[in-house]
Amino acid sequence: RAQMPVWRARYPGVEGLKVAVMGCIVNGPGESK
């Protein structure tokens, strides 16, 4: 969020990025994939 004002101009399309941070093995690998 903090970098978006700069990154919108520097990295077109970055707002569509999807990041997953999961806490265990149950859904972690699947969501990360």
PDB file of all heavy atoms in Angstrom:
ATOM      1  N   ARG A   1       0.827  -1.213   0.000  1.00  0.00           N
ATOM      2  CA  ARG A   1       0.000   0.000   0.000  1.00  0.00           C
ATOM      3  C   ARG A   1       0.858   1.258   0.000  1.00  0.00           C
ATOM      4  O   ARG A   1       0.576   2.219  -0.715  1.00  0.00           O
ATOM      5  CB  ARG A   1      -0.947   0.010   1.193  1.00  0.00           C
ATOM      6  CG  ARG A   1      -2.070  -0.988   1.107  1.00  0.00           C
ATOM      7  CD  ARG A   1      -3.048  -0.853   2.260  1.00  0.00           C
ATOM      8  NE  ARG A   1      -4.110  -1.833   2.147  1.00  0.00           N
ATOM      9  CZ  ARG A   1      -5.183  -1.697   1.387  1.00  0.00           C
ATOM     10  NH1 ARG A   1      -5.364  -0.590   0.676  1.00  0.00           N
ATOM     11  NH2 ARG A   1      -6.098  -2.644   1.333  1.00  0.00           N
ATOM     12  N   ALA A   2       1.908   1.239   0.822  1.00  0.00           N
ATOM     13  CA  ALA A   2       2.776   2.416   0.926  1.00  0.00           C
ATOM     14  C   ALA A   2       3.505   2.704  -0.379  1.00  0.00           C
ATOM     15  O   ALA A   2       3.731   3.859  -0.735  1.00  0.00           O
ATOM     16  CB  ALA A   2       3.778   2.223   2.061  1.00  0.00           C
ATOM     17  N   GLN A   3       3.856   1.650  -1.114  1.00  0.00           N
ATOM     18  CA  GLN A   3       4.632   1.820  -2.331  1.00  0.00           C
ATOM     19  C   GLN A   3       3.777   2.078  -3.574  1.00  0.00           C
ATOM     20  O   GLN A   3       4.310   2.473  -4.616  1.00  0.00           O
ATOM     21  CB  GLN A   3       5.487   0.574  -2.573  1.00  0.00           C
ATOM     22  CG  GLN A   3       6.581   0.355  -1.547  1.00  0.00           C
ATOM     23  CD  GLN A   3       7.590   1.481  -1.538  1.00  0.00           C
ATOM     24  OE1 GLN A   3       7.992   1.989  -2.576  1.00  0.00           O
ATOM     25  NE2 GLN A   3       8.013   1.882  -0.351  1.00  0.00           N
ATOM     26  N   MET A   4       2.461   1.852  -3.481  1.00  0.00           N
ATOM     27  CA  MET A   4       1.620   1.923  -4.672  1.00  0.00           C
ATOM     28  C   MET A   4       1.676   3.247  -5.411  1.00  0.00           C
ATOM     29  O   MET A   4       1.697   3.268  -6.654  1.00  0.00           O
ATOM     30  CB  MET A   4       0.173   1.569  -4.330  1.00  0.00           C
ATOM     31  CG  MET A   4      -0.065   0.073  -4.206  1.00  0.00           C
ATOM     32  SD  MET A   4       0.559  -0.887  -5.603  1.00  0.00           S
ATOM     33  CE  MET A   4      -0.550  -0.310  -6.895  1.00  0.00           C
ATOM     34  N   PRO A   5       1.679   4.420  -4.717  1.00  0.00           N
ATOM     35  CA  PRO A   5       1.762   5.675  -5.487  1.00  0.00           C
ATOM     36  C   PRO A   5       2.968   5.720  -6.421  1.00  0.00           C
ATOM     37  O   PRO A   5       2.889   6.277  -7.518  1.00  0.00           O
ATOM     38  CB  PRO A   5       1.864   6.744  -4.388  1.00  0.00           C
ATOM     39  CG  PRO A   5       1.163   6.147  -3.212  1.00  0.00           C
ATOM     40  CD  PRO A   5       1.525   4.695  -3.267  1.00  0.00           C
ATOM     41  N   VAL A   6       4.089   5.125  -6.010  1.00  0.00           N
ATOM     42  CA  VAL A   6       5.291   5.081  -6.851  1.00  0.00           C
ATOM     43  C   VAL A   6       5.238   3.909  -7.825  1.00  0.00           C
ATOM     44  O   VAL A   6       5.546   4.036  -9.009  1.00  0.00           O
ATOM     45  CB  VAL A   6       6.557   4.983  -5.969  1.00  0.00           C
ATOM     46  CG1 VAL A   6       7.810   4.803  -6.840  1.00  0.00           C
ATOM     47  CG2 VAL A   6       6.690   6.211  -5.087  1.00  0.00           C
ATOM     48  N   TRP A   7       4.830   2.763  -7.314  1.00  0.00           N
ATOM     49  CA  TRP A   7       4.856   1.558  -8.132  1.00  0.00           C
ATOM     50  C   TRP A   7       3.857   1.580  -9.279  1.00  0.00           C
ATOM     51  O   TRP A   7       4.087   0.927 -10.298  1.00  0.00           O
ATOM     52  CB  TRP A   7       4.602   0.338  -7.249  1.00  0.00           C
ATOM     53  CG  TRP A   7       5.806  -0.069  -6.436  1.00  0.00           C
ATOM     54  CD1 TRP A   7       7.034   0.529  -6.465  1.00  0.00           C
ATOM     55  CD2 TRP A   7       5.904  -1.150  -5.517  1.00  0.00           C
ATOM     56  NE1 TRP A   7       7.888  -0.106  -5.599  1.00  0.00           N
ATOM     57  CE2 TRP A   7       7.217  -1.152  -5.011  1.00  0.00           C
ATOM     58  CE3 TRP A   7       5.012  -2.113  -5.065  1.00  0.00           C
ATOM     59  CZ2 TRP A   7       7.660  -2.073  -4.075  1.00  0.00           C
ATOM     60  CZ3 TRP A   7       5.449  -3.056  -4.139  1.00  0.00           C
ATOM     61  CH2 TRP A   7       6.760  -3.025  -3.647  1.00  0.00           C
ATOM     62  N   ARG A   8       2.725   2.300  -9.116  1.00  0.00           N
ATOM     63  CA  ARG A   8       1.764   2.360 -10.217  1.00  0.00           C
ATOM     64  C   ARG A   8       2.421   2.884 -11.480  1.00  0.00           C
ATOM     65  O   ARG A   8       2.130   2.425 -12.582  1.00  0.00           O
ATOM     66  CB  ARG A   8       0.583   3.256  -9.846  1.00  0.00           C
ATOM     67  CG  ARG A   8      -0.456   2.592  -8.971  1.00  0.00           C
ATOM     68  CD  ARG A   8      -1.742   3.387  -8.930  1.00  0.00           C
ATOM     69  NE  ARG A   8      -2.670   2.849  -7.943  1.00  0.00           N
ATOM     70  CZ  ARG A   8      -2.772   3.297  -6.708  1.00  0.00           C
ATOM     71  NH1 ARG A   8      -2.024   4.317  -6.293  1.00  0.00           N
ATOM     72  NH2 ARG A   8      -3.632   2.739  -5.866  1.00  0.00           N
ATOM     73  N   ALA A   9       3.298   3.896 -11.322  1.00  0.00           N
ATOM     74  CA  ALA A   9       3.990   4.477 -12.472  1.00  0.00           C
ATOM     75  C   ALA A   9       5.171   3.623 -12.909  1.00  0.00           C
ATOM     76  O   ALA A   9       5.435   3.471 -14.103  1.00  0.00           O
ATOM     77  CB  ALA A   9       4.457   5.892 -12.133  1.00  0.00           C
ATOM     78  N   ARG A  10       5.878   3.049 -11.939  1.00  0.00           N
ATOM     79  CA  ARG A  10       7.090   2.298 -12.239  1.00  0.00           C
ATOM     80  C   ARG A  10       6.794   0.893 -12.752  1.00  0.00           C
ATOM     81  O   ARG A  10       7.513   0.368 -13.617  1.00  0.00           O
ATOM     82  CB  ARG A  10       7.968   2.208 -10.990  1.00  0.00           C
ATOM     83  CG  ARG A  10       9.333   1.549 -11.227  1.00  0.00           C
ATOM     84  CD  ARG A  10      10.131   1.520  -9.943  1.00  0.00           C
ATOM     85  NE  ARG A  10      10.455   2.852  -9.477  1.00  0.00           N
ATOM     86  CZ  ARG A  10      11.052   3.107  -8.318  1.00  0.00           C
ATOM     87  NH1 ARG A  10      11.365   2.127  -7.492  1.00  0.00           N
ATOM     88  NH2 ARG A  10      11.307   4.348  -7.972  1.00  0.00           N
ATOM     89  N   TYR A  11       5.754   0.278 -12.200  1.00  0.00           N
ATOM     90  CA  TYR A  11       5.431  -1.104 -12.542  1.00  0.00           C
ATOM     91  C   TYR A  11       3.974  -1.214 -13.002  1.00  0.00           C
ATOM     92  O   TYR A  11       3.093  -1.624 -12.223  1.00  0.00           O
ATOM     93  CB  TYR A  11       5.663  -2.016 -11.337  1.00  0.00           C
ATOM     94  CG  TYR A  11       7.052  -1.954 -10.754  1.00  0.00           C
ATOM     95  CD1 TYR A  11       7.258  -1.549  -9.429  1.00  0.00           C
ATOM     96  CD2 TYR A  11       8.165  -2.299 -11.505  1.00  0.00           C
ATOM     97  CE1 TYR A  11       8.522  -1.501  -8.880  1.00  0.00           C
ATOM     98  CE2 TYR A  11       9.453  -2.248 -10.971  1.00  0.00           C
ATOM     99  CZ  TYR A  11       9.615  -1.848  -9.662  1.00  0.00           C
ATOM    100  OH  TYR A  11      10.886  -1.793  -9.117  1.00  0.00           O
ATOM    101  N   PRO A  12       3.667  -0.859 -14.234  1.00  0.00           N
ATOM    102  CA  PRO A  12       2.280  -0.946 -14.718  1.00  0.00           C
ATOM    103  C   PRO A  12       1.708  -2.346 -14.568  1.00  0.00           C
ATOM    104  O   PRO A  12       2.360  -3.333 -14.914  1.00  0.00           O
ATOM    105  CB  PRO A  12       2.411  -0.557 -16.198  1.00  0.00           C
ATOM    106  CG  PRO A  12       3.677   0.247 -16.272  1.00  0.00           C
ATOM    107  CD  PRO A  12       4.598  -0.349 -15.266  1.00  0.00           C
ATOM    108  N   GLY A  13       0.489  -2.418 -13.992  1.00  0.00           N
ATOM    109  CA  GLY A  13      -0.163  -3.695 -13.777  1.00  0.00           C
ATOM    110  C   GLY A  13       0.086  -4.327 -12.428  1.00  0.00           C
ATOM    111  O   GLY A  13      -0.507  -5.356 -12.093  1.00  0.00           O
ATOM    112  N   VAL A  14       0.958  -3.698 -11.598  1.00  0.00           N
ATOM    113  CA  VAL A  14       1.305  -4.298 -10.315  1.00  0.00           C
ATOM    114  C   VAL A  14       0.104  -4.411  -9.382  1.00  0.00           C
ATOM    115  O   VAL A  14       0.076  -5.277  -8.495  1.00  0.00           O
ATOM    116  CB  VAL A  14       2.438  -3.498  -9.626  1.00  0.00           C
ATOM    117  CG1 VAL A  14       1.937  -2.126  -9.164  1.00  0.00           C
ATOM    118  CG2 VAL A  14       3.030  -4.275  -8.456  1.00  0.00           C
ATOM    119  N   GLU A  15      -0.915  -3.544  -9.574  1.00  0.00           N
ATOM    120  CA  GLU A  15      -2.084  -3.598  -8.694  1.00  0.00           C
ATOM    121  C   GLU A  15      -2.828  -4.936  -8.806  1.00  0.00           C
ATOM    122  O   GLU A  15      -3.632  -5.281  -7.935  1.00  0.00           O
ATOM    123  CB  GLU A  15      -3.047  -2.446  -8.975  1.00  0.00           C
ATOM    124  CG  GLU A  15      -3.578  -2.372 -10.395  1.00  0.00           C
ATOM    125  CD  GLU A  15      -2.701  -1.563 -11.318  1.00  0.00           C
ATOM    126  OE1 GLU A  15      -1.545  -1.273 -10.958  1.00  0.00           O
ATOM    127  OE2 GLU A  15      -3.182  -1.208 -12.403  1.00  0.00           O
ATOM    128  N   GLY A  16      -2.568  -5.706  -9.847  1.00  0.00           N
ATOM    129  CA  GLY A  16      -3.209  -7.010 -10.005  1.00  0.00           C
ATOM    130  C   GLY A  16      -2.461  -8.158  -9.341  1.00  0.00           C
ATOM    131  O   GLY A  16      -2.915  -9.307  -9.399  1.00  0.00           O
ATOM    132  N   LEU A  17      -1.345  -7.868  -8.682  1.00  0.00           N
ATOM    133  CA  LEU A  17      -0.534  -8.899  -8.034  1.00  0.00           C
ATOM    134  C   LEU A  17      -1.312  -9.594  -6.920  1.00  0.00           C
ATOM    135  O   LEU A  17      -2.041  -8.958  -6.159  1.00  0.00           O
ATOM    136  CB  LEU A  17       0.736  -8.264  -7.460  1.00  0.00           C
ATOM    137  CG  LEU A  17       1.681  -9.191  -6.683  1.00  0.00           C
ATOM    138  CD1 LEU A  17       2.385 -10.145  -7.643  1.00  0.00           C
ATOM    139  CD2 LEU A  17       2.705  -8.355  -5.893  1.00  0.00           C
ATOM    140  N   LYS A  18      -1.136 -10.916  -6.777  1.00  0.00           N
ATOM    141  CA  LYS A  18      -1.754 -11.691  -5.709  1.00  0.00           C
ATOM    142  C   LYS A  18      -0.669 -12.379  -4.898  1.00  0.00           C
ATOM    143  O   LYS A  18       0.134 -13.137  -5.436  1.00  0.00           O
ATOM    144  CB  LYS A  18      -2.730 -12.724  -6.280  1.00  0.00           C
ATOM    145  CG  LYS A  18      -3.928 -12.099  -6.992  1.00  0.00           C
ATOM    146  CD  LYS A  18      -4.862 -13.160  -7.546  1.00  0.00           C
ATOM    147  CE  LYS A  18      -6.064 -12.516  -8.238  1.00  0.00           C
ATOM    148  NZ  LYS A  18      -6.961 -13.505  -8.843  1.00  0.00           N
ATOM    149  N   VAL A  19      -0.667 -12.089  -3.589  1.00  0.00           N
ATOM    150  CA  VAL A  19       0.313 -12.648  -2.663  1.00  0.00           C
ATOM    151  C   VAL A  19      -0.434 -13.474  -1.615  1.00  0.00           C
ATOM    152  O   VAL A  19      -1.500 -13.076  -1.144  1.00  0.00           O
ATOM    153  CB  VAL A  19       1.129 -11.538  -1.963  1.00  0.00           C
ATOM    154  CG1 VAL A  19       2.193 -12.143  -1.050  1.00  0.00           C
ATOM    155  CG2 VAL A  19       1.788 -10.610  -2.989  1.00  0.00           C
ATOM    156  N   ALA A  20       0.117 -14.629  -1.242  1.00  0.00           N
ATOM    157  CA  ALA A  20      -0.475 -15.472  -0.201  1.00  0.00           C
ATOM    158  C   ALA A  20       0.528 -15.656   0.926  1.00  0.00           C
ATOM    159  O   ALA A  20       1.694 -15.980   0.688  1.00  0.00           O
ATOM    160  CB  ALA A  20      -0.898 -16.820  -0.769  1.00  0.00           C
ATOM    161  N   VAL A  21       0.079 -15.461   2.165  1.00  0.00           N
ATOM    162  CA  VAL A  21       0.882 -15.706   3.356  1.00  0.00           C
ATOM    163  C   VAL A  21       0.055 -16.617   4.259  1.00  0.00           C
ATOM    164  O   VAL A  21      -0.894 -16.183   4.906  1.00  0.00           O
ATOM    165  CB  VAL A  21       1.250 -14.400   4.086  1.00  0.00           C
ATOM    166  CG1 VAL A  21       2.099 -14.718   5.316  1.00  0.00           C
ATOM    167  CG2 VAL A  21       1.997 -13.446   3.163  1.00  0.00           C
ATOM    168  N   MET A  22       0.408 -17.897   4.295  1.00  0.00           N
ATOM    169  CA  MET A  22      -0.392 -18.895   4.990  1.00  0.00           C
ATOM    170  C   MET A  22       0.343 -19.452   6.194  1.00  0.00           C
ATOM    171  O   MET A  22       1.575 -19.489   6.238  1.00  0.00           O
ATOM    172  CB  MET A  22      -0.767 -20.016   4.024  1.00  0.00           C
ATOM    173  CG  MET A  22      -1.485 -19.521   2.761  1.00  0.00           C
ATOM    174  SD  MET A  22      -3.043 -18.664   3.105  1.00  0.00           S
ATOM    175  CE  MET A  22      -4.014 -20.046   3.731  1.00  0.00           C
ATOM    176  N   GLY A  23      -0.440 -19.935   7.199  1.00  0.00           N
ATOM    177  CA  GLY A  23       0.143 -20.283   8.485  1.00  0.00           C
ATOM    178  C   GLY A  23       0.393 -21.749   8.749  1.00  0.00           C
ATOM    179  O   GLY A  23       1.003 -22.094   9.758  1.00  0.00           O
ATOM    180  N   CYS A  24      -0.071 -22.657   7.887  1.00  0.00           N
ATOM    181  CA  CYS A  24       0.198 -24.078   8.113  1.00  0.00           C
ATOM    182  C   CYS A  24      -0.001 -24.841   6.817  1.00  0.00           C
ATOM    183  O   CYS A  24      -0.341 -24.259   5.776  1.00  0.00           O
ATOM    184  CB  CYS A  24      -0.674 -24.641   9.248  1.00  0.00           C
ATOM    185  SG  CYS A  24      -2.361 -25.081   8.763  1.00  0.00           S
ATOM    186  N   ILE A  25       0.149 -26.168   6.902  1.00  0.00           N
ATOM    187  CA  ILE A  25       0.174 -27.007   5.709  1.00  0.00           C
ATOM    188  C   ILE A  25      -1.214 -27.337   5.163  1.00  0.00           C
ATOM    189  O   ILE A  25      -1.350 -27.842   4.038  1.00  0.00           O
ATOM    190  CB  ILE A  25       0.947 -28.310   6.016  1.00  0.00           C
ATOM    191  CG1 ILE A  25       1.441 -28.972   4.720  1.00  0.00           C
ATOM    192  CG2 ILE A  25       0.055 -29.272   6.857  1.00  0.00           C
ATOM    193  CD1 ILE A  25       2.397 -30.132   4.983  1.00  0.00           C
ATOM    194  N   VAL A  26      -2.301 -27.086   5.946  1.00  0.00           N
ATOM    195  CA  VAL A  26      -3.636 -27.505   5.521  1.00  0.00           C
ATOM    196  C   VAL A  26      -4.028 -26.851   4.201  1.00  0.00           C
ATOM    197  O   VAL A  26      -4.326 -27.524   3.212  1.00  0.00           O
ATOM    198  CB  VAL A  26      -4.691 -27.198   6.611  1.00  0.00           C
ATOM    199  CG1 VAL A  26      -6.092 -27.482   6.080  1.00  0.00           C
ATOM    200  CG2 VAL A  26      -4.430 -28.038   7.844  1.00  0.00           C
ATOM    201  N   ASN A  27      -4.066 -25.524   4.171  1.00  0.00           N
ATOM    202  CA  ASN A  27      -4.399 -24.790   2.950  1.00  0.00           C
ATOM    203  C   ASN A  27      -3.218 -24.019   2.383  1.00  0.00           C
ATOM    204  O   ASN A  27      -3.328 -23.435   1.305  1.00  0.00           O
ATOM    205  CB  ASN A  27      -5.549 -23.810   3.202  1.00  0.00           C
ATOM    206  CG  ASN A  27      -6.866 -24.499   3.467  1.00  0.00           C
ATOM    207  OD1 ASN A  27      -7.208 -25.471   2.809  1.00  0.00           O
ATOM    208  ND2 ASN A  27      -7.611 -23.999   4.439  1.00  0.00           N
ATOM    209  N   GLY A  28      -2.132 -24.015   3.149  1.00  0.00           N
ATOM    210  CA  GLY A  28      -1.003 -23.176   2.764  1.00  0.00           C
ATOM    211  C   GLY A  28      -0.468 -23.407   1.366  1.00  0.00           C
ATOM    212  O   GLY A  28      -0.430 -22.490   0.531  1.00  0.00           O
ATOM    213  N   PRO A  29      -0.044 -24.621   1.029  1.00  0.00           N
ATOM    214  CA  PRO A  29       0.497 -24.849  -0.316  1.00  0.00           C
ATOM    215  C   PRO A  29      -0.507 -24.568  -1.424  1.00  0.00           C
ATOM    216  O   PRO A  29      -0.165 -23.995  -2.458  1.00  0.00           O
ATOM    217  CB  PRO A  29       0.910 -26.320  -0.266  1.00  0.00           C
ATOM    218  CG  PRO A  29       1.143 -26.602   1.182  1.00  0.00           C
ATOM    219  CD  PRO A  29       0.128 -25.790   1.898  1.00  0.00           C
ATOM    220  N   GLY A  30      -1.780 -24.970  -1.190  1.00  0.00           N
ATOM    221  CA  GLY A  30      -2.801 -24.764  -2.220  1.00  0.00           C
ATOM    222  C   GLY A  30      -3.041 -23.294  -2.503  1.00  0.00           C
ATOM    223  O   GLY A  30      -3.069 -22.854  -3.654  1.00  0.00           O
ATOM    224  N   GLU A  31      -3.227 -22.493  -1.440  1.00  0.00           N
ATOM    225  CA  GLU A  31      -3.441 -21.059  -1.610  1.00  0.00           C
ATOM    226  C   GLU A  31      -2.209 -20.397  -2.219  1.00  0.00           C
ATOM    227  O   GLU A  31      -2.328 -19.476  -3.031  1.00  0.00           O
ATOM    228  CB  GLU A  31      -3.775 -20.405  -0.269  1.00  0.00           C
ATOM    229  CG  GLU A  31      -5.135 -20.778   0.300  1.00  0.00           C
ATOM    230  CD  GLU A  31      -6.272 -20.078  -0.417  1.00  0.00           C
ATOM    231  OE1 GLU A  31      -6.007 -19.208  -1.276  1.00  0.00           O
ATOM    232  OE2 GLU A  31      -7.448 -20.404  -0.121  1.00  0.00           O
ATOM    233  N   SER A  32      -1.036 -20.847  -1.826  1.00  0.00           N
ATOM    234  CA  SER A  32       0.200 -20.274  -2.362  1.00  0.00           C
ATOM    235  C   SER A  32       0.342 -20.547  -3.851  1.00  0.00           C
ATOM    236  O   SER A  32       0.853 -19.721  -4.606  1.00  0.00           O
ATOM    237  CB  SER A  32       1.409 -20.838  -1.604  1.00  0.00           C
ATOM    238  OG  SER A  32       1.368 -20.453  -0.231  1.00  0.00           O
ATOM    239  N   LYS A  33      -0.097 -21.748  -4.286  1.00  0.00           N
ATOM    240  CA  LYS A  33      -0.050 -22.075  -5.704  1.00  0.00           C
ATOM    241  C   LYS A  33      -0.993 -21.204  -6.519  1.00  0.00           C
ATOM    242  O   LYS A  33      -0.713 -20.858  -7.668  1.00  0.00           O
ATOM    243  CB  LYS A  33      -0.398 -23.554  -5.919  1.00  0.00           C
ATOM    244  CG  LYS A  33       0.672 -24.533  -5.457  1.00  0.00           C
ATOM    245  CD  LYS A  33       0.203 -25.965  -5.641  1.00  0.00           C
ATOM    246  CE  LYS A  33       1.226 -26.958  -5.111  1.00  0.00           C
ATOM    247  NZ  LYS A  33       0.747 -28.363  -5.205  1.00  0.00           N
TER     248      LYS A  33
END
